[in-house]
Amino acid sequence: MNHVLPKEFSETLKVLQDKALNRTRTNEVETIFQQDFGKSHKEIFKEFSEEPVAAASLAQVFKATTQDDEIVAVKVQYIDLRDRFESDVTTMDSVLNMIQIIHPQFAFKWVLKELKGPLENELDFQKEAKNSEQCAAELSKFKCLYVPKVYHDTSSHRVLTTEFIDGVKVTEGEQITDQGMSLTDIDTNLLRVFSEQIFHTGFVHADPHPGNILIRKVDGKAQIVLLDHGLYEKLPANERSALCGLWVAVVQNDYENMKKYGKELNVDDYRLFAMALTQRYIKPTKEE
């Protein structure tokens, strides 16, 4: 949200992208591997880093080497995550109930209901593996995009092993240009890739923050590496069509169609919605 928040906020909070937690439980990874595979991670992999290379809200990511000498990223879920998820959802549900009684106009309990299912799916790394492979297949025509390969034999519901990719965060513009890559090309390709998902396939990566988008140089050109496929949204054809119409209406400054397609998306304040969607000001009509 660095287009909205002051720089001080975004700079401070960006640690949450890939350095959110620092766990000190030395046996946590060992316990999960014993429970899920019946073996220690030190038996399964030839090498396994002592410290995580990244740590987000759901899991820690370790760098490892397979028995076939392939470098991989091993994402290991926090052992107490599922218990904390249930208690957190229950707490939020109670808080929203209380707020809705005191402030009836603040009726946002439906948001929790909408999010609970997708968030539960995000806890299952086998579903994430499936999402990853579907994304790779649907976007295979884009040579500017790469989705790391999944290693199913060393993955489970709480462990996900994928190809390890070295890259630069998409927001590190100076590092990207220092490596001779074009920010303009990257910008164009990001729009092409996500437009394909939003307007054509309808299977949309719903967590594209900078920690999940890396840039690397391949054959002299910038390639986008898309990580973390746990959270996806499926957009039906009627919503994709309405979104297309709304975007065109905004570009053409066509208020009638903005209102029409906003209504198709169940939006009352079409101007506010269009501004949030496109991040550009849309002045009111004379009637408004």
C-alpha atoms as a PDB file:
ATOM      1  CA  MET A   1       0.000   0.000   0.000  1.00  0.00           C
ATOM      2  CA  ASN A   2       2.929   2.360  -0.553  1.00  0.00           C
ATOM      3  CA  HIS A   3       0.743   4.420  -2.908  1.00  0.00           C
ATOM      4  CA  VAL A   4      -1.445   5.295   0.113  1.00  0.00           C
ATOM      5  CA  LEU A   5       0.671   5.020   3.259  1.00  0.00           C
ATOM      6  CA  PRO A   6       3.513   7.439   4.096  1.00  0.00           C
ATOM      7  CA  LYS A   7       7.001   6.107   3.347  1.00  0.00           C
ATOM      8  CA  GLU A   8       7.755   5.713   7.074  1.00  0.00           C
ATOM      9  CA  PHE A   9       4.884   3.216   7.430  1.00  0.00           C
ATOM     10  CA  SER A  10       5.689   1.147   4.347  1.00  0.00           C
ATOM     11  CA  GLU A  11       9.419   1.032   5.161  1.00  0.00           C
ATOM     12  CA  THR A  12       8.723  -0.144   8.714  1.00  0.00           C
ATOM     13  CA  LEU A  13       6.020  -2.665   7.817  1.00  0.00           C
ATOM     14  CA  LYS A  14       7.752  -4.239   4.794  1.00  0.00           C
ATOM     15  CA  VAL A  15       9.542  -6.604   7.176  1.00  0.00           C
ATOM     16  CA  LEU A  16       6.211  -8.482   7.350  1.00  0.00           C
ATOM     17  CA  GLN A  17       6.634  -9.559   3.715  1.00  0.00           C
ATOM     18  CA  ASP A  18       9.286 -12.168   4.449  1.00  0.00           C
ATOM     19  CA  LYS A  19      10.704 -11.595   7.943  1.00  0.00           C
ATOM     20  CA  ALA A  20       7.503 -11.569   9.973  1.00  0.00           C
ATOM     21  CA  LEU A  21       8.414 -13.944  12.805  1.00  0.00           C
ATOM     22  CA  ASN A  22      11.559 -15.144  14.499  1.00  0.00           C
ATOM     23  CA  ARG A  23      10.933 -18.565  16.065  1.00  0.00           C
ATOM     24  CA  THR A  24      13.350 -19.977  18.607  1.00  0.00           C
ATOM     25  CA  ARG A  25      11.910 -23.499  18.972  1.00  0.00           C
ATOM     26  CA  THR A  26      14.842 -25.668  17.884  1.00  0.00           C
ATOM     27  CA  ASN A  27      12.855 -28.897  17.547  1.00  0.00           C
ATOM     28  CA  GLU A  28       9.817 -27.511  15.678  1.00  0.00           C
ATOM     29  CA  VAL A  29      11.008 -28.449  12.169  1.00  0.00           C
ATOM     30  CA  GLU A  30      12.246 -31.847  13.384  1.00  0.00           C
ATOM     31  CA  THR A  31       8.865 -32.612  14.976  1.00  0.00           C
ATOM     32  CA  ILE A  32       6.859 -31.714  11.872  1.00  0.00           C
ATOM     33  CA  PHE A  33       9.048 -33.896   9.625  1.00  0.00           C
ATOM     34  CA  GLN A  34       8.798 -36.823  12.013  1.00  0.00           C
ATOM     35  CA  GLN A  35       5.005 -36.465  12.161  1.00  0.00           C
ATOM     36  CA  ASP A  36       4.494 -35.976   8.400  1.00  0.00           C
ATOM     37  CA  PHE A  37       7.230 -38.201   6.916  1.00  0.00           C
ATOM     38  CA  GLY A  38       8.353 -40.481   9.744  1.00  0.00           C
ATOM     39  CA  LYS A  39      11.903 -39.213   9.246  1.00  0.00           C
ATOM     40  CA  SER A  40      14.059 -36.294  10.279  1.00  0.00           C
ATOM     41  CA  HIS A  41      14.603 -33.484   7.776  1.00  0.00           C
ATOM     42  CA  LYS A  42      18.312 -34.257   8.111  1.00  0.00           C
ATOM     43  CA  GLU A  43      17.667 -37.767   6.778  1.00  0.00           C
ATOM     44  CA  ILE A  44      15.470 -36.603   3.890  1.00  0.00           C
ATOM     45  CA  PHE A  45      17.793 -33.854   2.652  1.00  0.00           C
ATOM     46  CA  LYS A  46      21.532 -33.967   2.090  1.00  0.00           C
ATOM     47  CA  GLU A  47      21.850 -30.432   3.496  1.00  0.00           C
ATOM     48  CA  PHE A  48      19.381 -28.263   5.382  1.00  0.00           C
ATOM     49  CA  SER A  49      20.037 -24.687   6.553  1.00  0.00           C
ATOM     50  CA  GLU A  50      19.976 -24.093  10.300  1.00  0.00           C
ATOM     51  CA  GLU A  51      18.403 -20.650   9.932  1.00  0.00           C
ATOM     52  CA  PRO A  52      15.385 -19.827   7.735  1.00  0.00           C
ATOM     53  CA  VAL A  53      15.981 -17.671   4.654  1.00  0.00           C
ATOM     54  CA  ALA A  54      12.484 -16.209   5.048  1.00  0.00           C
ATOM     55  CA  ALA A  55       9.755 -16.208   7.681  1.00  0.00           C
ATOM     56  CA  ALA A  56       6.176 -15.135   6.940  1.00  0.00           C
ATOM     57  CA  SER A  57       2.929 -15.383   8.899  1.00  0.00           C
ATOM     58  CA  LEU A  58       2.268 -19.068   8.102  1.00  0.00           C
ATOM     59  CA  ALA A  59       5.666 -20.670   7.748  1.00  0.00           C
ATOM     60  CA  GLN A  60       9.428 -20.472   7.672  1.00  0.00           C
ATOM     61  CA  VAL A  61      11.384 -21.156   4.486  1.00  0.00           C
ATOM     62  CA  PHE A  62      14.686 -23.037   4.600  1.00  0.00           C
ATOM     63  CA  LYS A  63      17.282 -23.610   1.904  1.00  0.00           C
ATOM     64  CA  ALA A  64      18.140 -27.283   1.404  1.00  0.00           C
ATOM     65  CA  THR A  65      19.845 -29.723  -0.957  1.00  0.00           C
ATOM     66  CA  THR A  66      18.099 -32.906  -2.096  1.00  0.00           C
ATOM     67  CA  GLN A  67      19.795 -36.291  -2.277  1.00  0.00           C
ATOM     68  CA  ASP A  68      20.108 -35.622  -6.041  1.00  0.00           C
ATOM     69  CA  ASP A  69      22.034 -32.386  -5.341  1.00  0.00           C
ATOM     70  CA  GLU A  70      19.203 -30.053  -6.347  1.00  0.00           C
ATOM     71  CA  ILE A  71      18.872 -26.780  -4.432  1.00  0.00           C
ATOM     72  CA  VAL A  72      15.353 -26.380  -3.028  1.00  0.00           C
ATOM     73  CA  ALA A  73      13.276 -24.096  -0.819  1.00  0.00           C
ATOM     74  CA  VAL A  74      11.491 -25.942   1.990  1.00  0.00           C
ATOM     75  CA  LYS A  75       8.476 -24.150   3.464  1.00  0.00           C
ATOM     76  CA  VAL A  76       7.629 -25.492   6.931  1.00  0.00           C
ATOM     77  CA  GLN A  77       4.399 -24.446   8.612  1.00  0.00           C
ATOM     78  CA  TYR A  78       4.495 -23.228  12.220  1.00  0.00           C
ATOM     79  CA  ILE A  79       3.567 -26.198  14.366  1.00  0.00           C
ATOM     80  CA  ASP A  80       0.909 -24.368  16.407  1.00  0.00           C
ATOM     81  CA  LEU A  81      -0.599 -22.479  13.466  1.00  0.00           C
ATOM     82  CA  ARG A  82      -3.821 -24.460  13.075  1.00  0.00           C
ATOM     83  CA  ASP A  83      -4.679 -24.099  16.767  1.00  0.00           C
ATOM     84  CA  ARG A  84      -3.957 -20.365  16.662  1.00  0.00           C
ATOM     85  CA  PHE A  85      -6.032 -19.995  13.493  1.00  0.00           C
ATOM     86  CA  GLU A  86      -9.156 -21.431  15.122  1.00  0.00           C
ATOM     87  CA  SER A  87      -8.783 -19.280  18.247  1.00  0.00           C
ATOM     88  CA  ASP A  88      -8.070 -16.137  16.189  1.00  0.00           C
ATOM     89  CA  VAL A  89     -11.151 -16.671  13.997  1.00  0.00           C
ATOM     90  CA  THR A  90     -13.324 -17.248  17.079  1.00  0.00           C
ATOM     91  CA  THR A  91     -11.958 -14.064  18.670  1.00  0.00           C
ATOM     92  CA  MET A  92     -12.565 -11.987  15.526  1.00  0.00           C
ATOM     93  CA  ASP A  93     -16.077 -13.395  15.224  1.00  0.00           C
ATOM     94  CA  SER A  94     -16.886 -12.364  18.813  1.00  0.00           C
ATOM     95  CA  VAL A  95     -15.399  -8.888  18.353  1.00  0.00           C
ATOM     96  CA  LEU A  96     -17.352  -8.301  15.133  1.00  0.00           C
ATOM     97  CA  ASN A  97     -20.557  -9.435  16.830  1.00  0.00           C
ATOM     98  CA  MET A  98     -20.041  -6.902  19.621  1.00  0.00           C
ATOM     99  CA  ILE A  99     -19.170  -4.088  17.217  1.00  0.00           C
ATOM    100  CA  GLN A 100     -22.216  -4.824  15.074  1.00  0.00           C
ATOM    101  CA  ILE A 101     -24.499  -4.570  18.133  1.00  0.00           C
ATOM    102  CA  ILE A 102     -22.996  -1.240  19.193  1.00  0.00           C
ATOM    103  CA  HIS A 103     -22.589   0.138  15.648  1.00  0.00           C
ATOM    104  CA  PRO A 104     -25.159  -1.545  13.362  1.00  0.00           C
ATOM    105  CA  GLN A 105     -23.832   0.356  10.341  1.00  0.00           C
ATOM    106  CA  PHE A 106     -20.446  -1.314  10.856  1.00  0.00           C
ATOM    107  CA  ALA A 107     -21.696  -4.699   9.636  1.00  0.00           C
ATOM    108  CA  PHE A 108     -18.520  -6.356   8.367  1.00  0.00           C
ATOM    109  CA  LYS A 109     -19.002  -9.867   9.702  1.00  0.00           C
ATOM    110  CA  TRP A 110     -19.580 -11.019   6.132  1.00  0.00           C
ATOM    111  CA  VAL A 111     -15.920 -10.221   5.388  1.00  0.00           C
ATOM    112  CA  LEU A 112     -14.779 -12.814   7.949  1.00  0.00           C
ATOM    113  CA  LYS A 113     -17.140 -15.391   6.456  1.00  0.00           C
ATOM    114  CA  GLU A 114     -15.750 -14.669   2.982  1.00  0.00           C
ATOM    115  CA  LEU A 115     -12.148 -14.969   4.165  1.00  0.00           C
ATOM    116  CA  LYS A 116     -12.395 -18.004   6.435  1.00  0.00           C
ATOM    117  CA  GLY A 117     -12.610 -20.586   3.637  1.00  0.00           C
ATOM    118  CA  PRO A 118      -9.690 -19.253   1.560  1.00  0.00           C
ATOM    119  CA  LEU A 119      -7.560 -18.843   4.696  1.00  0.00           C
ATOM    120  CA  GLU A 120      -8.268 -22.446   5.741  1.00  0.00           C
ATOM    121  CA  ASN A 121      -7.179 -23.568   2.271  1.00  0.00           C
ATOM    122  CA  GLU A 122      -3.968 -21.586   2.689  1.00  0.00           C
ATOM    123  CA  LEU A 123      -3.062 -23.796   5.651  1.00  0.00           C
ATOM    124  CA  ASP A 124      -2.958 -26.851   3.360  1.00  0.00           C
ATOM    125  CA  PHE A 125       0.317 -26.831   1.428  1.00  0.00           C
ATOM    126  CA  GLN A 126      -0.836 -29.636  -0.864  1.00  0.00           C
ATOM    127  CA  LYS A 127      -3.536 -27.301  -2.137  1.00  0.00           C
ATOM    128  CA  GLU A 128      -0.862 -24.646  -2.581  1.00  0.00           C
ATOM    129  CA  ALA A 129       1.184 -27.097  -4.669  1.00  0.00           C
ATOM    130  CA  LYS A 130      -1.859 -27.750  -6.871  1.00  0.00           C
ATOM    131  CA  ASN A 131      -2.492 -23.992  -7.251  1.00  0.00           C
ATOM    132  CA  SER A 132       1.141 -23.467  -8.211  1.00  0.00           C
ATOM    133  CA  GLU A 133       0.999 -26.065 -10.959  1.00  0.00           C
ATOM    134  CA  GLN A 134      -2.329 -24.768 -12.284  1.00  0.00           C
ATOM    135  CA  CYS A 135      -0.916 -21.238 -12.415  1.00  0.00           C
ATOM    136  CA  ALA A 136       2.206 -22.451 -14.248  1.00  0.00           C
ATOM    137  CA  ALA A 137       0.100 -24.354 -16.787  1.00  0.00           C
ATOM    138  CA  GLU A 138      -2.364 -21.514 -17.446  1.00  0.00           C
ATOM    139  CA  LEU A 139       0.388 -18.899 -17.852  1.00  0.00           C
ATOM    140  CA  SER A 140       2.908 -21.089 -19.692  1.00  0.00           C
ATOM    141  CA  LYS A 141       2.711 -18.891 -22.807  1.00  0.00           C
ATOM    142  CA  PHE A 142       4.385 -16.052 -20.907  1.00  0.00           C
ATOM    143  CA  LYS A 143       8.150 -16.581 -21.158  1.00  0.00           C
ATOM    144  CA  CYS A 144       8.582 -13.537 -18.905  1.00  0.00           C
ATOM    145  CA  LEU A 145       7.044 -15.512 -16.002  1.00  0.00           C
ATOM    146  CA  TYR A 146       8.386 -18.439 -14.014  1.00  0.00           C
ATOM    147  CA  VAL A 147       6.704 -20.542 -11.307  1.00  0.00           C
ATOM    148  CA  PRO A 148       9.101 -22.745  -9.279  1.00  0.00           C
ATOM    149  CA  LYS A 149       8.731 -26.508  -9.674  1.00  0.00           C
ATOM    150  CA  VAL A 150       7.130 -28.478  -6.819  1.00  0.00           C
ATOM    151  CA  TYR A 151       8.840 -31.571  -5.337  1.00  0.00           C
ATOM    152  CA  HIS A 152       5.896 -33.739  -4.310  1.00  0.00           C
ATOM    153  CA  ASP A 153       7.920 -36.531  -2.682  1.00  0.00           C
ATOM    154  CA  THR A 154       9.167 -34.126   0.006  1.00  0.00           C
ATOM    155  CA  SER A 155       5.917 -32.170   0.423  1.00  0.00           C
ATOM    156  CA  SER A 156       2.928 -32.700   2.724  1.00  0.00           C
ATOM    157  CA  HIS A 157       0.011 -30.723   4.157  1.00  0.00           C
ATOM    158  CA  ARG A 158       2.468 -28.758   6.333  1.00  0.00           C
ATOM    159  CA  VAL A 159       5.678 -28.932   4.269  1.00  0.00           C
ATOM    160  CA  LEU A 160       6.142 -27.637   0.728  1.00  0.00           C
ATOM    161  CA  THR A 161       9.358 -28.193  -1.208  1.00  0.00           C
ATOM    162  CA  THR A 162       9.963 -26.210  -4.377  1.00  0.00           C
ATOM    163  CA  GLU A 163      12.814 -25.215  -6.621  1.00  0.00           C
ATOM    164  CA  PHE A 164      15.003 -22.550  -4.990  1.00  0.00           C
ATOM    165  CA  ILE A 165      15.181 -19.329  -7.013  1.00  0.00           C
ATOM    166  CA  ASP A 166      17.601 -16.466  -6.471  1.00  0.00           C
ATOM    167  CA  GLY A 167      16.046 -13.128  -7.279  1.00  0.00           C
ATOM    168  CA  VAL A 168      15.465  -9.522  -6.265  1.00  0.00           C
ATOM    169  CA  LYS A 169      12.230  -8.224  -4.754  1.00  0.00           C
ATOM    170  CA  VAL A 170      10.147  -6.444  -7.380  1.00  0.00           C
ATOM    171  CA  THR A 171      10.255  -3.244  -5.301  1.00  0.00           C
ATOM    172  CA  GLU A 172      14.075  -3.073  -5.268  1.00  0.00           C
ATOM    173  CA  GLY A 173      14.278  -0.852  -8.344  1.00  0.00           C
ATOM    174  CA  GLU A 174      17.891   0.188  -7.896  1.00  0.00           C
ATOM    175  CA  GLN A 175      19.153  -3.394  -7.646  1.00  0.00           C
ATOM    176  CA  ILE A 176      17.105  -4.364 -10.695  1.00  0.00           C
ATOM    177  CA  THR A 177      18.488  -1.559 -12.880  1.00  0.00           C
ATOM    178  CA  ASP A 178      22.025  -2.198 -11.594  1.00  0.00           C
ATOM    179  CA  GLN A 179      21.711  -5.694 -13.086  1.00  0.00           C
ATOM    180  CA  GLY A 180      20.798  -4.184 -16.452  1.00  0.00           C
ATOM    181  CA  MET A 181      17.097  -5.027 -16.392  1.00  0.00           C
ATOM    182  CA  SER A 182      14.350  -2.687 -17.575  1.00  0.00           C
ATOM    183  CA  LEU A 183      11.771  -1.524 -15.021  1.00  0.00           C
ATOM    184  CA  THR A 184       9.470  -0.570 -17.905  1.00  0.00           C
ATOM    185  CA  ASP A 185       9.549  -4.117 -19.299  1.00  0.00           C
ATOM    186  CA  ILE A 186       8.907  -5.588 -15.849  1.00  0.00           C
ATOM    187  CA  ASP A 187       5.984  -3.219 -15.294  1.00  0.00           C
ATOM    188  CA  THR A 188       4.444  -4.138 -18.658  1.00  0.00           C
ATOM    189  CA  ASN A 189       4.897  -7.863 -18.090  1.00  0.00           C
ATOM    190  CA  LEU A 190       3.396  -7.733 -14.592  1.00  0.00           C
ATOM    191  CA  LEU A 191       0.294  -6.078 -16.043  1.00  0.00           C
ATOM    192  CA  ARG A 192       0.087  -8.699 -18.809  1.00  0.00           C
ATOM    193  CA  VAL A 193       0.433 -11.624 -16.402  1.00  0.00           C
ATOM    194  CA  PHE A 194      -2.113 -10.448 -13.831  1.00  0.00           C
ATOM    195  CA  SER A 195      -4.512  -9.182 -16.507  1.00  0.00           C
ATOM    196  CA  GLU A 196      -4.455 -12.690 -17.986  1.00  0.00           C
ATOM    197  CA  GLN A 197      -5.539 -14.097 -14.633  1.00  0.00           C
ATOM    198  CA  ILE A 198      -8.106 -11.420 -13.801  1.00  0.00           C
ATOM    199  CA  PHE A 199      -9.758 -11.103 -17.212  1.00  0.00           C
ATOM    200  CA  HIS A 200      -9.167 -14.483 -18.901  1.00  0.00           C
ATOM    201  CA  THR A 201      -8.397 -17.500 -16.698  1.00  0.00           C
ATOM    202  CA  GLY A 202     -10.285 -16.275 -13.618  1.00  0.00           C
ATOM    203  CA  PHE A 203      -7.800 -18.097 -11.377  1.00  0.00           C
ATOM    204  CA  VAL A 204      -6.124 -15.179  -9.617  1.00  0.00           C
ATOM    205  CA  HIS A 205      -3.103 -15.088  -7.310  1.00  0.00           C
ATOM    206  CA  ALA A 206      -4.574 -13.166  -4.368  1.00  0.00           C
ATOM    207  CA  ASP A 207      -1.402 -12.312  -2.427  1.00  0.00           C
ATOM    208  CA  PRO A 208       1.004 -10.604  -4.852  1.00  0.00           C
ATOM    209  CA  HIS A 209       2.982  -8.529  -2.339  1.00  0.00           C
ATOM    210  CA  PRO A 210       6.692  -7.771  -3.002  1.00  0.00           C
ATOM    211  CA  GLY A 211       7.867 -10.737  -0.921  1.00  0.00           C
ATOM    212  CA  ASN A 212       6.089 -13.046  -3.373  1.00  0.00           C
ATOM    213  CA  ILE A 213       7.348 -11.473  -6.615  1.00  0.00           C
ATOM    214  CA  LEU A 214      11.028 -11.828  -7.438  1.00  0.00           C
ATOM    215  CA  ILE A 215      12.881 -10.616 -10.508  1.00  0.00           C
ATOM    216  CA  ARG A 216      15.838 -12.480 -12.019  1.00  0.00           C
ATOM    217  CA  LYS A 217      17.827 -12.136 -15.215  1.00  0.00           C
ATOM    218  CA  VAL A 218      17.470 -14.939 -17.774  1.00  0.00           C
ATOM    219  CA  ASP A 219      19.104 -14.758 -21.233  1.00  0.00           C
ATOM    220  CA  GLY A 220      19.705 -11.041 -20.741  1.00  0.00           C
ATOM    221  CA  LYS A 221      16.054 -10.252 -19.933  1.00  0.00           C
ATOM    222  CA  ALA A 222      14.082  -9.774 -16.739  1.00  0.00           C
ATOM    223  CA  GLN A 223      11.930 -12.710 -15.672  1.00  0.00           C
ATOM    224  CA  ILE A 224       9.179 -12.517 -13.039  1.00  0.00           C
ATOM    225  CA  VAL A 225       9.204 -15.329 -10.469  1.00  0.00           C
ATOM    226  CA  LEU A 226       5.841 -15.781  -8.754  1.00  0.00           C
ATOM    227  CA  LEU A 227       5.959 -17.377  -5.293  1.00  0.00           C
ATOM    228  CA  ASP A 228       3.479 -18.414  -2.568  1.00  0.00           C
ATOM    229  CA  HIS A 229       0.412 -19.845  -4.275  1.00  0.00           C
ATOM    230  CA  GLY A 230      -1.597 -20.580  -1.148  1.00  0.00           C
ATOM    231  CA  LEU A 231      -4.203 -17.848  -1.573  1.00  0.00           C
ATOM    232  CA  TYR A 232      -6.173 -17.777  -4.845  1.00  0.00           C
ATOM    233  CA  GLU A 233      -9.482 -16.262  -5.867  1.00  0.00           C
ATOM    234  CA  LYS A 234     -11.727 -17.700  -8.570  1.00  0.00           C
ATOM    235  CA  LEU A 235     -13.518 -15.024 -10.586  1.00  0.00           C
ATOM    236  CA  PRO A 236     -16.587 -16.249 -12.520  1.00  0.00           C
ATOM    237  CA  ALA A 237     -17.065 -15.176 -16.133  1.00  0.00           C
ATOM    238  CA  ASN A 238     -19.780 -12.608 -15.338  1.00  0.00           C
ATOM    239  CA  GLU A 239     -17.504 -10.790 -12.845  1.00  0.00           C
ATOM    240  CA  ARG A 240     -14.570 -10.838 -15.269  1.00  0.00           C
ATOM    241  CA  SER A 241     -16.789  -9.407 -17.991  1.00  0.00           C
ATOM    242  CA  ALA A 242     -18.076  -6.642 -15.700  1.00  0.00           C
ATOM    243  CA  LEU A 243     -14.536  -5.778 -14.606  1.00  0.00           C
ATOM    244  CA  CYS A 244     -13.477  -5.521 -18.249  1.00  0.00           C
ATOM    245  CA  GLY A 245     -16.381  -3.188 -18.964  1.00  0.00           C
ATOM    246  CA  LEU A 246     -15.608  -1.060 -15.917  1.00  0.00           C
ATOM    247  CA  TRP A 247     -11.934  -0.632 -16.860  1.00  0.00           C
ATOM    248  CA  VAL A 248     -12.851   0.418 -20.399  1.00  0.00           C
ATOM    249  CA  ALA A 249     -15.482   2.832 -19.053  1.00  0.00           C
ATOM    250  CA  VAL A 250     -12.915   4.452 -16.735  1.00  0.00           C
ATOM    251  CA  VAL A 251     -10.397   4.858 -19.576  1.00  0.00           C
ATOM    252  CA  GLN A 252     -13.089   6.335 -21.837  1.00  0.00           C
ATOM    253  CA  ASN A 253     -14.502   8.516 -19.042  1.00  0.00           C
ATOM    254  CA  ASP A 254     -17.883   6.877 -19.653  1.00  0.00           C
ATOM    255  CA  TYR A 255     -19.904   7.477 -16.477  1.00  0.00           C
ATOM    256  CA  GLU A 256     -22.988   5.652 -17.688  1.00  0.00           C
ATOM    257  CA  ASN A 257     -21.071   2.418 -18.200  1.00  0.00           C
ATOM    258  CA  MET A 258     -19.109   2.887 -14.977  1.00  0.00           C
ATOM    259  CA  LYS A 259     -22.443   2.960 -13.181  1.00  0.00           C
ATOM    260  CA  LYS A 260     -23.793   0.038 -15.217  1.00  0.00           C
ATOM    261  CA  TYR A 261     -20.836  -2.302 -14.625  1.00  0.00           C
ATOM    262  CA  GLY A 262     -20.534  -1.178 -11.007  1.00  0.00           C
ATOM    263  CA  LYS A 263     -24.126  -2.310 -10.485  1.00  0.00           C
ATOM    264  CA  GLU A 264     -23.287  -5.680 -12.085  1.00  0.00           C
ATOM    265  CA  LEU A 265     -20.567  -6.006  -9.437  1.00  0.00           C
ATOM    266  CA  ASN A 266     -23.048  -5.095  -6.652  1.00  0.00           C
ATOM    267  CA  VAL A 267     -21.348  -1.740  -6.075  1.00  0.00           C
ATOM    268  CA  ASP A 268     -23.428   1.311  -5.103  1.00  0.00           C
ATOM    269  CA  ASP A 269     -20.693   3.971  -5.119  1.00  0.00           C
ATOM    270  CA  TYR A 270     -19.218   3.237  -8.548  1.00  0.00           C
ATOM    271  CA  ARG A 271     -16.884   6.264  -8.468  1.00  0.00           C
ATOM    272  CA  LEU A 272     -15.273   5.265  -5.176  1.00  0.00           C
ATOM    273  CA  PHE A 273     -14.939   1.670  -6.335  1.00  0.00           C
ATOM    274  CA  ALA A 274     -13.420   2.697  -9.678  1.00  0.00           C
ATOM    275  CA  MET A 275     -10.932   4.992  -7.925  1.00  0.00           C
ATOM    276  CA  ALA A 276      -9.893   2.218  -5.531  1.00  0.00           C
ATOM    277  CA  LEU A 277      -9.541  -0.199  -8.441  1.00  0.00           C
ATOM    278  CA  THR A 278      -7.630   2.025 -10.845  1.00  0.00           C
ATOM    279  CA  GLN A 279      -5.883   4.330  -8.335  1.00  0.00           C
ATOM    280  CA  ARG A 280      -6.830   7.432 -10.316  1.00  0.00           C
ATOM    281  CA  TYR A 281      -9.185  10.285  -9.469  1.00  0.00           C
ATOM    282  CA  ILE A 282     -12.580  10.303 -11.149  1.00  0.00           C
ATOM    283  CA  LYS A 283     -14.353  13.618 -10.794  1.00  0.00           C
ATOM    284  CA  PRO A 284     -18.074  13.650  -9.987  1.00  0.00           C
ATOM    285  CA  THR A 285     -20.703  14.367 -12.622  1.00  0.00           C
ATOM    286  CA  LYS A 286     -22.817  17.541 -12.495  1.00  0.00           C
ATOM    287  CA  GLU A 287     -25.725  15.527 -11.082  1.00  0.00           C
ATOM    288  CA  GLU A 288     -23.545  14.327  -8.202  1.00  0.00           C
END
